[in-house]
């Protein structure tokens, strides 16, 4: 599996928002990363409603 094709800035922002090491973000399978981003988005939307 090859690393994700994202910029270094994007990878750093994802690592910070997901609270995982940068290396883990870069080697995370794309479908898992998308699922985690969806969870994060849902959580942020719920926080805005409250």
Protein backbone atom coordinates (compact mmCIF):
# COMPACT_ATOMS: atom_id res chain seq x y z
CA UNK A 1 0.00 0.00 0.00
CA UNK A 2 1.39 3.40 -0.93
CA UNK A 3 1.15 6.50 1.28
CA UNK A 4 -1.77 8.86 0.75
CA UNK A 5 -1.34 11.49 -1.94
CA UNK A 6 -1.90 14.52 0.28
CA UNK A 7 0.22 17.55 1.06
CA UNK A 8 2.35 17.79 4.18
CA UNK A 9 0.16 20.62 5.52
CA UNK A 10 -2.98 18.56 5.03
CA UNK A 11 -1.41 15.55 6.72
CA UNK A 12 -0.39 17.67 9.71
CA UNK A 13 -3.88 19.15 10.05
CA UNK A 14 -5.44 15.69 9.84
CA UNK A 15 -3.06 14.28 12.44
CA UNK A 16 -3.88 17.13 14.80
CA UNK A 17 -7.65 16.91 14.33
CA UNK A 18 -7.70 13.10 14.60
CA UNK A 19 -5.21 13.04 17.50
CA UNK A 20 -2.96 10.48 15.83
CA UNK A 21 0.74 10.58 14.88
CA UNK A 22 1.57 12.01 11.46
CA UNK A 23 3.09 8.71 10.31
CA UNK A 24 -0.14 6.91 11.12
CA UNK A 25 -2.14 9.36 9.00
CA UNK A 26 0.20 8.93 6.04
CA UNK A 27 -0.05 5.14 6.11
CA UNK A 28 -3.73 4.88 7.01
CA UNK A 29 -5.86 3.17 4.35
CA UNK A 30 -7.94 5.71 2.48
CA UNK A 31 -11.32 4.18 3.41
CA UNK A 32 -10.46 4.29 7.13
CA UNK A 33 -9.28 7.89 6.87
CA UNK A 34 -12.51 8.88 5.13
CA UNK A 35 -14.55 7.14 7.84
CA UNK A 36 -12.64 8.98 10.57
CA UNK A 37 -13.13 12.29 8.79
CA UNK A 38 -16.86 11.60 8.53
CA UNK A 39 -16.99 10.87 12.28
CA UNK A 40 -15.09 14.08 12.99
CA UNK A 41 -17.44 16.08 10.77
CA UNK A 42 -20.51 14.60 12.47
CA UNK A 43 -19.07 15.39 15.89
CA UNK A 44 -18.32 19.00 14.90
CA UNK A 45 -21.85 19.45 13.53
CA UNK A 46 -23.34 18.11 16.76
CA UNK A 47 -21.13 20.44 18.80
CA UNK A 48 -22.37 23.44 16.78
CA UNK A 49 -26.01 22.51 17.46
CA UNK A 50 -25.49 22.51 21.24
